[in-house]
Amino acid sequence: MERGYGNAERPEDYLESFRAFLLENMNKIPALVVVTQRPRELTRAQLKELRMLLDTAGYSETNLQTAWREMTNEDIAASIIGFIRQAALGDALIPYSERCDRALKTILASQPWTVPQRRWLERIGKQIKAETIVDRAALDRGEFKSQGGGFERLNKVFGGDLENIVIKLHESIWNTAI
């Protein structure tokens, strides 16, 4: 069975065309600038828009994962953000869940946390794995709202520093010195 890659016949060509697409559109798609320069500032809306644009152009996360696997014989469950940063910046392509685990470990080791703070940080880490973007709105719904009282209540648990902690967690995910 042979797999097609749009106009490309080989996975290498497909990944190179993805890289060329990114470089050609870097200044036309604001979310690409955010992903490559300030990934912690990426919003849920920007990520959704970026995924739709890339899907329309033929570069879905699934197709990129398949091409990468066929080219390298490595099965990596990297996120679309990871593929963009790898193609545009040469970042290492690391599974997203592994990036999240490392970032959480870094945050947990950064200072002594209380038991409730550690539990909430672990929940936030799981949510980032599931949703990619965890922001104030995400902390005001679901488990965070029902068990923690939402952002305002959780912010008190963290001494008013929850927003900065979440920012540091997002920064640690994309820290290239892993």
N, C-alpha and C. Protein backbone atom coordinates (compact mmCIF):
# COMPACT_ATOMS: atom_id res chain seq x y z
N MET A 1 0.84 -1.18 0.00
CA MET A 1 0.00 0.00 0.00
C MET A 1 0.89 1.25 0.00
N GLU A 2 0.52 2.22 -0.78
CA GLU A 2 1.31 3.43 -0.89
C GLU A 2 0.51 4.62 -0.39
N ARG A 3 1.15 5.50 0.35
CA ARG A 3 0.48 6.66 0.91
C ARG A 3 0.83 7.88 0.08
N GLY A 4 -0.18 8.69 -0.20
CA GLY A 4 0.05 9.93 -0.92
C GLY A 4 0.21 11.09 0.04
N TYR A 5 0.92 12.09 -0.36
CA TYR A 5 1.17 13.27 0.46
C TYR A 5 0.82 14.53 -0.34
N GLY A 6 -0.41 14.62 -0.78
CA GLY A 6 -0.79 15.77 -1.58
C GLY A 6 0.01 15.78 -2.86
N ASN A 7 0.75 16.86 -3.10
CA ASN A 7 1.58 16.96 -4.30
C ASN A 7 2.92 16.25 -4.13
N ALA A 8 3.21 15.80 -2.93
CA ALA A 8 4.49 15.14 -2.66
C ALA A 8 4.33 13.62 -2.73
N GLU A 9 5.34 12.97 -3.22
CA GLU A 9 5.30 11.51 -3.30
C GLU A 9 5.96 10.85 -2.10
N ARG A 10 6.93 11.52 -1.50
CA ARG A 10 7.66 10.95 -0.38
C ARG A 10 7.39 11.76 0.89
N PRO A 11 7.49 11.13 2.06
CA PRO A 11 7.26 11.86 3.30
C PRO A 11 8.24 13.03 3.48
N GLU A 12 9.47 12.86 3.00
CA GLU A 12 10.46 13.94 3.09
C GLU A 12 10.00 15.18 2.33
N ASP A 13 9.43 14.93 1.13
CA ASP A 13 8.94 16.04 0.31
C ASP A 13 7.75 16.74 0.98
N TYR A 14 6.88 15.93 1.59
CA TYR A 14 5.70 16.48 2.28
C TYR A 14 6.15 17.37 3.45
N LEU A 15 7.09 16.88 4.25
CA LEU A 15 7.57 17.66 5.39
C LEU A 15 8.31 18.91 4.93
N GLU A 16 9.03 18.82 3.83
CA GLU A 16 9.72 20.00 3.29
C GLU A 16 8.71 21.01 2.76
N SER A 17 7.63 20.52 2.14
CA SER A 17 6.60 21.45 1.65
C SER A 17 5.89 22.11 2.82
N PHE A 18 5.74 21.39 3.94
CA PHE A 18 5.17 21.98 5.16
C PHE A 18 6.07 23.10 5.66
N ARG A 19 7.36 22.83 5.70
CA ARG A 19 8.33 23.85 6.14
C ARG A 19 8.27 25.07 5.23
N ALA A 20 8.22 24.85 3.93
CA ALA A 20 8.14 25.96 2.97
C ALA A 20 6.85 26.74 3.16
N PHE A 21 5.74 26.05 3.39
CA PHE A 21 4.46 26.71 3.63
C PHE A 21 4.55 27.61 4.86
N LEU A 22 5.16 27.10 5.93
CA LEU A 22 5.31 27.89 7.15
C LEU A 22 6.14 29.15 6.90
N LEU A 23 7.27 28.98 6.24
CA LEU A 23 8.16 30.11 5.99
C LEU A 23 7.50 31.16 5.08
N GLU A 24 6.75 30.69 4.09
CA GLU A 24 6.06 31.62 3.18
C GLU A 24 4.95 32.38 3.88
N ASN A 25 4.33 31.78 4.89
CA ASN A 25 3.17 32.37 5.54
C ASN A 25 3.44 32.92 6.93
N MET A 26 4.69 32.91 7.35
CA MET A 26 5.03 33.34 8.70
C MET A 26 4.51 34.74 9.02
N ASN A 27 4.64 35.66 8.10
CA ASN A 27 4.19 37.03 8.35
C ASN A 27 2.74 37.27 7.98
N LYS A 28 2.10 36.27 7.36
CA LYS A 28 0.70 36.41 6.97
C LYS A 28 -0.26 35.82 7.99
N ILE A 29 0.22 34.88 8.79
CA ILE A 29 -0.62 34.21 9.78
C ILE A 29 -0.06 34.55 11.16
N PRO A 30 -0.71 35.49 11.87
CA PRO A 30 -0.19 35.94 13.17
C PRO A 30 0.06 34.81 14.16
N ALA A 31 -0.77 33.78 14.14
CA ALA A 31 -0.60 32.68 15.10
C ALA A 31 0.72 31.95 14.90
N LEU A 32 1.25 31.94 13.67
CA LEU A 32 2.55 31.30 13.43
C LEU A 32 3.67 32.06 14.14
N VAL A 33 3.57 33.37 14.15
CA VAL A 33 4.57 34.18 14.86
C VAL A 33 4.50 33.87 16.35
N VAL A 34 3.29 33.78 16.88
CA VAL A 34 3.12 33.48 18.30
C VAL A 34 3.70 32.10 18.62
N VAL A 35 3.38 31.09 17.81
CA VAL A 35 3.86 29.73 18.05
C VAL A 35 5.39 29.67 18.03
N THR A 36 6.01 30.39 17.12
CA THR A 36 7.47 30.31 16.98
C THR A 36 8.22 31.23 17.95
N GLN A 37 7.59 32.33 18.36
CA GLN A 37 8.31 33.28 19.20
C GLN A 37 7.83 33.34 20.64
N ARG A 38 6.53 33.18 20.85
CA ARG A 38 5.96 33.30 22.19
C ARG A 38 4.85 32.27 22.40
N PRO A 39 5.17 30.98 22.36
CA PRO A 39 4.12 29.96 22.41
C PRO A 39 3.26 30.02 23.66
N ARG A 40 3.78 30.56 24.75
CA ARG A 40 3.00 30.65 25.98
C ARG A 40 1.83 31.63 25.83
N GLU A 41 1.90 32.52 24.84
CA GLU A 41 0.85 33.51 24.62
C GLU A 41 -0.23 33.04 23.64
N LEU A 42 -0.08 31.84 23.11
CA LEU A 42 -1.04 31.32 22.15
C LEU A 42 -2.40 31.14 22.82
N THR A 43 -3.44 31.65 22.17
CA THR A 43 -4.79 31.52 22.72
C THR A 43 -5.49 30.32 22.10
N ARG A 44 -6.56 29.92 22.74
CA ARG A 44 -7.37 28.81 22.25
C ARG A 44 -7.90 29.13 20.85
N ALA A 45 -8.37 30.37 20.64
CA ALA A 45 -8.91 30.79 19.34
C ALA A 45 -7.82 30.75 18.26
N GLN A 46 -6.62 31.22 18.59
CA GLN A 46 -5.52 31.19 17.61
C GLN A 46 -5.14 29.76 17.25
N LEU A 47 -5.11 28.87 18.24
CA LEU A 47 -4.78 27.48 17.97
C LEU A 47 -5.82 26.84 17.06
N LYS A 48 -7.09 27.11 17.34
CA LYS A 48 -8.18 26.56 16.51
C LYS A 48 -8.06 27.07 15.07
N GLU A 49 -7.85 28.37 14.93
CA GLU A 49 -7.71 28.98 13.60
C GLU A 49 -6.50 28.39 12.86
N LEU A 50 -5.40 28.23 13.55
CA LEU A 50 -4.18 27.70 12.95
C LEU A 50 -4.40 26.26 12.49
N ARG A 51 -5.04 25.45 13.32
CA ARG A 51 -5.32 24.06 12.93
C ARG A 51 -6.19 24.02 11.68
N MET A 52 -7.21 24.88 11.62
CA MET A 52 -8.09 24.90 10.45
C MET A 52 -7.33 25.32 9.20
N LEU A 53 -6.50 26.36 9.30
CA LEU A 53 -5.70 26.81 8.16
C LEU A 53 -4.76 25.72 7.66
N LEU A 54 -4.10 25.05 8.59
CA LEU A 54 -3.16 23.99 8.21
C LEU A 54 -3.90 22.79 7.62
N ASP A 55 -5.04 22.44 8.21
CA ASP A 55 -5.85 21.33 7.66
C ASP A 55 -6.28 21.65 6.23
N THR A 56 -6.74 22.88 6.01
CA THR A 56 -7.17 23.31 4.68
C THR A 56 -6.01 23.25 3.68
N ALA A 57 -4.81 23.58 4.15
CA ALA A 57 -3.63 23.54 3.28
C ALA A 57 -3.08 22.12 3.12
N GLY A 58 -3.69 21.14 3.82
CA GLY A 58 -3.26 19.75 3.69
C GLY A 58 -2.24 19.30 4.71
N TYR A 59 -2.07 20.07 5.77
CA TYR A 59 -1.07 19.75 6.79
C TYR A 59 -1.73 19.50 8.14
N SER A 60 -2.47 18.41 8.24
CA SER A 60 -3.09 18.07 9.52
C SER A 60 -2.05 17.44 10.44
N GLU A 61 -2.33 17.49 11.72
CA GLU A 61 -1.44 16.90 12.71
C GLU A 61 -1.23 15.41 12.42
N THR A 62 -2.30 14.72 12.07
CA THR A 62 -2.22 13.28 11.77
C THR A 62 -1.34 13.01 10.57
N ASN A 63 -1.50 13.80 9.49
CA ASN A 63 -0.66 13.61 8.30
C ASN A 63 0.81 13.89 8.59
N LEU A 64 1.06 14.92 9.41
CA LEU A 64 2.44 15.24 9.77
C LEU A 64 3.05 14.12 10.60
N GLN A 65 2.28 13.58 11.54
CA GLN A 65 2.78 12.46 12.36
C GLN A 65 3.09 11.25 11.49
N THR A 66 2.20 10.97 10.54
CA THR A 66 2.42 9.82 9.65
C THR A 66 3.66 10.02 8.79
N ALA A 67 3.80 11.19 8.20
CA ALA A 67 4.97 11.46 7.36
C ALA A 67 6.26 11.37 8.19
N TRP A 68 6.24 11.92 9.39
CA TRP A 68 7.42 11.87 10.26
C TRP A 68 7.78 10.41 10.58
N ARG A 69 6.76 9.62 10.92
CA ARG A 69 6.99 8.21 11.25
C ARG A 69 7.57 7.45 10.05
N GLU A 70 7.03 7.72 8.87
CA GLU A 70 7.50 7.01 7.68
C GLU A 70 8.89 7.47 7.26
N MET A 71 9.23 8.71 7.55
CA MET A 71 10.55 9.21 7.18
C MET A 71 11.63 8.76 8.18
N THR A 72 11.29 8.74 9.47
CA THR A 72 12.30 8.50 10.50
C THR A 72 12.18 7.16 11.22
N ASN A 73 11.07 6.47 10.99
CA ASN A 73 10.75 5.24 11.73
C ASN A 73 10.56 5.52 13.22
N GLU A 74 10.24 6.75 13.57
CA GLU A 74 9.93 7.14 14.94
C GLU A 74 8.45 7.50 15.01
N ASP A 75 7.75 6.90 15.95
CA ASP A 75 6.34 7.22 16.13
C ASP A 75 6.23 8.25 17.25
N ILE A 76 6.09 9.51 16.87
CA ILE A 76 6.08 10.59 17.85
C ILE A 76 4.73 11.28 17.83
N ALA A 77 4.09 11.32 18.98
CA ALA A 77 2.80 11.97 19.12
C ALA A 77 3.02 13.45 19.46
N ALA A 78 3.69 14.13 18.58
CA ALA A 78 3.95 15.56 18.79
C ALA A 78 2.69 16.35 18.44
N SER A 79 2.57 17.52 19.02
CA SER A 79 1.43 18.38 18.73
C SER A 79 1.72 19.19 17.46
N ILE A 80 0.70 19.81 16.95
CA ILE A 80 0.88 20.66 15.77
C ILE A 80 1.87 21.78 16.08
N ILE A 81 1.85 22.27 17.31
CA ILE A 81 2.80 23.31 17.72
C ILE A 81 4.23 22.77 17.62
N GLY A 82 4.42 21.54 18.07
CA GLY A 82 5.74 20.92 17.99
C GLY A 82 6.23 20.78 16.56
N PHE A 83 5.32 20.36 15.66
CA PHE A 83 5.72 20.23 14.25
C PHE A 83 6.06 21.59 13.65
N ILE A 84 5.31 22.61 14.01
CA ILE A 84 5.59 23.95 13.50
C ILE A 84 6.96 24.42 13.99
N ARG A 85 7.19 24.28 15.29
CA ARG A 85 8.47 24.73 15.85
C ARG A 85 9.65 23.91 15.31
N GLN A 86 9.43 22.63 15.07
CA GLN A 86 10.50 21.80 14.51
C GLN A 86 10.83 22.26 13.10
N ALA A 87 9.79 22.47 12.28
CA ALA A 87 10.02 22.85 10.88
C ALA A 87 10.58 24.27 10.76
N ALA A 88 10.06 25.19 11.55
CA ALA A 88 10.46 26.59 11.41
C ALA A 88 11.73 26.94 12.18
N LEU A 89 11.94 26.30 13.33
CA LEU A 89 13.06 26.68 14.19
C LEU A 89 14.10 25.59 14.41
N GLY A 90 13.76 24.37 14.00
CA GLY A 90 14.67 23.26 14.23
C GLY A 90 14.60 22.69 15.64
N ASP A 91 13.54 23.03 16.39
CA ASP A 91 13.36 22.47 17.73
C ASP A 91 13.29 20.96 17.66
N ALA A 92 13.71 20.31 18.72
CA ALA A 92 13.59 18.86 18.79
C ALA A 92 12.11 18.47 18.78
N LEU A 93 11.79 17.43 18.06
CA LEU A 93 10.41 16.94 18.02
C LEU A 93 10.24 15.93 19.14
N ILE A 94 9.61 16.38 20.20
CA ILE A 94 9.42 15.59 21.41
C ILE A 94 7.92 15.40 21.60
N PRO A 95 7.49 14.20 21.99
CA PRO A 95 6.06 14.00 22.22
C PRO A 95 5.50 15.05 23.18
N TYR A 96 4.33 15.55 22.86
CA TYR A 96 3.74 16.63 23.65
C TYR A 96 3.52 16.21 25.10
N SER A 97 3.07 15.00 25.32
CA SER A 97 2.83 14.55 26.70
C SER A 97 4.13 14.54 27.50
N GLU A 98 5.24 14.19 26.84
CA GLU A 98 6.54 14.20 27.50
C GLU A 98 6.96 15.63 27.84
N ARG A 99 6.71 16.55 26.93
CA ARG A 99 7.00 17.97 27.20
C ARG A 99 6.22 18.45 28.42
N CYS A 100 4.92 18.07 28.47
CA CYS A 100 4.07 18.48 29.59
C CYS A 100 4.57 17.89 30.91
N ASP A 101 4.95 16.60 30.89
CA ASP A 101 5.46 15.95 32.10
C ASP A 101 6.73 16.64 32.59
N ARG A 102 7.63 16.96 31.67
CA ARG A 102 8.87 17.63 32.06
C ARG A 102 8.61 19.03 32.61
N ALA A 103 7.69 19.73 31.99
CA ALA A 103 7.36 21.08 32.46
C ALA A 103 6.76 21.04 33.86
N LEU A 104 5.86 20.09 34.09
CA LEU A 104 5.25 19.97 35.41
C LEU A 104 6.31 19.62 36.45
N LYS A 105 7.20 18.71 36.10
CA LYS A 105 8.28 18.32 37.02
C LYS A 105 9.15 19.53 37.36
N THR A 106 9.43 20.37 36.36
CA THR A 106 10.23 21.58 36.59
C THR A 106 9.53 22.53 37.55
N ILE A 107 8.23 22.73 37.32
CA ILE A 107 7.47 23.64 38.19
C ILE A 107 7.38 23.08 39.61
N LEU A 108 7.11 21.78 39.73
CA LEU A 108 7.00 21.17 41.05
C LEU A 108 8.31 21.26 41.82
N ALA A 109 9.44 21.20 41.11
CA ALA A 109 10.75 21.27 41.76
C ALA A 109 11.21 22.70 42.01
N SER A 110 10.49 23.68 41.48
CA SER A 110 10.95 25.07 41.55
C SER A 110 10.81 25.69 42.94
N GLN A 111 9.97 25.13 43.78
CA GLN A 111 9.77 25.68 45.13
C GLN A 111 9.00 24.66 45.96
N PRO A 112 8.99 24.84 47.27
CA PRO A 112 8.18 23.93 48.09
C PRO A 112 6.69 24.30 47.97
N TRP A 113 5.88 23.35 47.54
CA TRP A 113 4.45 23.57 47.38
C TRP A 113 3.71 22.86 48.51
N THR A 114 2.56 23.37 48.88
CA THR A 114 1.72 22.68 49.84
C THR A 114 1.09 21.48 49.12
N VAL A 115 0.54 20.55 49.89
CA VAL A 115 -0.09 19.37 49.29
C VAL A 115 -1.24 19.78 48.36
N PRO A 116 -2.14 20.70 48.79
CA PRO A 116 -3.21 21.11 47.86
C PRO A 116 -2.67 21.78 46.60
N GLN A 117 -1.62 22.59 46.73
CA GLN A 117 -1.03 23.24 45.56
C GLN A 117 -0.47 22.20 44.58
N ARG A 118 0.22 21.20 45.10
CA ARG A 118 0.78 20.13 44.26
C ARG A 118 -0.32 19.40 43.51
N ARG A 119 -1.41 19.09 44.22
CA ARG A 119 -2.52 18.38 43.58
C ARG A 119 -3.12 19.23 42.46
N TRP A 120 -3.30 20.52 42.71
CA TRP A 120 -3.87 21.39 41.67
C TRP A 120 -2.91 21.53 40.50
N LEU A 121 -1.62 21.64 40.78
CA LEU A 121 -0.65 21.72 39.69
C LEU A 121 -0.68 20.45 38.84
N GLU A 122 -0.81 19.30 39.46
CA GLU A 122 -0.90 18.05 38.71
C GLU A 122 -2.17 18.02 37.86
N ARG A 123 -3.28 18.53 38.39
CA ARG A 123 -4.53 18.60 37.61
C ARG A 123 -4.39 19.56 36.44
N ILE A 124 -3.75 20.69 36.69
CA ILE A 124 -3.53 21.66 35.62
C ILE A 124 -2.63 21.03 34.54
N GLY A 125 -1.61 20.30 34.96
CA GLY A 125 -0.73 19.61 34.01
C GLY A 125 -1.50 18.62 33.15
N LYS A 126 -2.41 17.85 33.75
CA LYS A 126 -3.24 16.91 32.98
C LYS A 126 -4.13 17.65 31.99
N GLN A 127 -4.66 18.78 32.41
CA GLN A 127 -5.53 19.55 31.54
C GLN A 127 -4.75 20.13 30.36
N ILE A 128 -3.54 20.57 30.59
CA ILE A 128 -2.71 21.09 29.50
C ILE A 128 -2.42 19.97 28.49
N LYS A 129 -2.18 18.76 28.98
CA LYS A 129 -1.98 17.63 28.07
C LYS A 129 -3.21 17.41 27.21
N ALA A 130 -4.38 17.54 27.81
CA ALA A 130 -5.63 17.26 27.09
C ALA A 130 -6.04 18.39 26.16
N GLU A 131 -5.85 19.64 26.58
CA GLU A 131 -6.37 20.79 25.82
C GLU A 131 -5.32 21.65 25.15
N THR A 132 -4.06 21.50 25.48
CA THR A 132 -2.94 22.31 25.00
C THR A 132 -2.93 23.70 25.63
N ILE A 133 -4.06 24.39 25.62
CA ILE A 133 -4.13 25.74 26.18
C ILE A 133 -4.97 25.70 27.46
N VAL A 134 -4.36 26.06 28.58
CA VAL A 134 -5.10 26.22 29.82
C VAL A 134 -4.93 27.68 30.22
N ASP A 135 -6.05 28.36 30.23
CA ASP A 135 -6.06 29.78 30.56
C ASP A 135 -7.10 30.01 31.66
N ARG A 136 -7.34 31.25 31.94
CA ARG A 136 -8.29 31.62 32.98
C ARG A 136 -9.67 31.01 32.72
N ALA A 137 -10.12 31.04 31.48
CA ALA A 137 -11.42 30.47 31.13
C ALA A 137 -11.47 28.98 31.42
N ALA A 138 -10.39 28.26 31.13
CA ALA A 138 -10.34 26.82 31.39
C ALA A 138 -10.39 26.54 32.89
N LEU A 139 -9.81 27.43 33.67
CA LEU A 139 -9.80 27.24 35.12
C LEU A 139 -11.12 27.67 35.77
N ASP A 140 -12.01 28.22 34.98
CA ASP A 140 -13.33 28.63 35.48
C ASP A 140 -14.43 27.65 35.08
N ARG A 141 -14.05 26.45 34.64
CA ARG A 141 -15.07 25.47 34.26
C ARG A 141 -14.63 24.06 34.65
N GLY A 142 -15.54 23.12 34.49
CA GLY A 142 -15.26 21.72 34.75
C GLY A 142 -14.81 21.45 36.18
N GLU A 143 -13.84 20.56 36.30
CA GLU A 143 -13.31 20.14 37.60
C GLU A 143 -12.76 21.33 38.39
N PHE A 144 -12.16 22.26 37.70
CA PHE A 144 -11.58 23.41 38.39
C PHE A 144 -12.67 24.27 39.04
N LYS A 145 -13.80 24.38 38.39
CA LYS A 145 -14.91 25.16 38.93
C LYS A 145 -15.61 24.37 40.04
N SER A 146 -15.93 23.10 39.76
CA SER A 146 -16.73 22.32 40.72
C SER A 146 -15.95 21.96 41.99
N GLN A 147 -14.67 21.64 41.86
CA GLN A 147 -13.90 21.22 43.03
C GLN A 147 -13.03 22.32 43.61
N GLY A 148 -12.65 23.26 42.78
CA GLY A 148 -11.72 24.28 43.26
C GLY A 148 -12.33 25.66 43.38
N GLY A 149 -13.54 25.85 42.82
CA GLY A 149 -14.17 27.15 42.90
C GLY A 149 -13.78 28.08 41.77
N GLY A 150 -13.10 27.57 40.77
CA GLY A 150 -12.71 28.40 39.63
C GLY A 150 -11.42 29.15 39.87
N PHE A 151 -11.11 30.01 38.90
CA PHE A 151 -9.83 30.73 38.92
C PHE A 151 -9.63 31.52 40.21
N GLU A 152 -10.62 32.30 40.61
CA GLU A 152 -10.45 33.17 41.79
C GLU A 152 -10.10 32.37 43.04
N ARG A 153 -10.80 31.28 43.26
CA ARG A 153 -10.53 30.45 44.44
C ARG A 153 -9.16 29.79 44.34
N LEU A 154 -8.85 29.24 43.16
CA LEU A 154 -7.53 28.60 42.98
C LEU A 154 -6.40 29.62 43.11
N ASN A 155 -6.65 30.82 42.65
CA ASN A 155 -5.65 31.87 42.76
C ASN A 155 -5.31 32.12 44.23
N LYS A 156 -6.30 32.05 45.09
CA LYS A 156 -6.05 32.22 46.53
C LYS A 156 -5.21 31.07 47.07
N VAL A 157 -5.45 29.85 46.58
CA VAL A 157 -4.66 28.69 47.00
C VAL A 157 -3.18 28.92 46.67
N PHE A 158 -2.93 29.62 45.58
CA PHE A 158 -1.56 29.89 45.14
C PHE A 158 -1.08 31.29 45.54
N GLY A 159 -1.70 31.88 46.52
CA GLY A 159 -1.25 33.17 47.04
C GLY A 159 -1.32 34.29 46.03
N GLY A 160 -2.29 34.24 45.13
CA GLY A 160 -2.46 35.29 44.13
C GLY A 160 -1.52 35.19 42.94
N ASP A 161 -0.80 34.09 42.81
CA ASP A 161 0.21 33.96 41.75
C ASP A 161 -0.13 32.90 40.70
N LEU A 162 -1.38 32.45 40.65
CA LEU A 162 -1.75 31.37 39.74
C LEU A 162 -1.48 31.72 38.29
N GLU A 163 -1.80 32.93 37.88
CA GLU A 163 -1.59 33.31 36.48
C GLU A 163 -0.12 33.18 36.09
N ASN A 164 0.78 33.66 36.94
CA ASN A 164 2.22 33.55 36.65
C ASN A 164 2.69 32.10 36.64
N ILE A 165 2.12 31.29 37.52
CA ILE A 165 2.50 29.88 37.58
C ILE A 165 2.08 29.18 36.29
N VAL A 166 0.88 29.46 35.81
CA VAL A 166 0.41 28.85 34.56
C VAL A 166 1.27 29.32 33.39
N ILE A 167 1.65 30.60 33.38
CA ILE A 167 2.54 31.12 32.34
C ILE A 167 3.88 30.37 32.37
N LYS A 168 4.44 30.19 33.56
CA LYS A 168 5.72 29.47 33.68
C LYS A 168 5.58 28.03 33.21
N LEU A 169 4.45 27.41 33.49
CA LEU A 169 4.21 26.04 33.05
C LEU A 169 4.19 25.97 31.52
N HIS A 170 3.46 26.91 30.90
CA HIS A 170 3.41 26.95 29.43
C HIS A 170 4.79 27.24 28.84
N GLU A 171 5.56 28.14 29.47
CA GLU A 171 6.91 28.43 28.98
C GLU A 171 7.81 27.20 29.07
N SER A 172 7.68 26.47 30.17
CA SER A 172 8.52 25.29 30.38
C SER A 172 8.23 24.20 29.34
N ILE A 173 7.01 24.12 28.86
CA ILE A 173 6.67 23.13 27.84
C ILE A 173 7.52 23.32 26.61
N TRP A 174 7.70 24.56 26.20
CA TRP A 174 8.41 24.84 24.94
C TRP A 174 9.86 25.28 25.14
N ASN A 175 10.35 25.18 26.36
CA ASN A 175 11.74 25.49 26.64
C ASN A 175 12.61 24.52 25.83
N THR A 176 13.48 25.07 25.01
CA THR A 176 14.29 24.21 24.13
C THR A 176 15.45 23.56 24.86
N ALA A 177 15.78 24.01 26.06
CA ALA A 177 16.89 23.43 26.82
C ALA A 177 16.42 22.24 27.65
N ILE A 178 15.72 21.32 26.99
CA ILE A 178 15.21 20.14 27.71
C ILE A 178 16.23 19.04 27.61
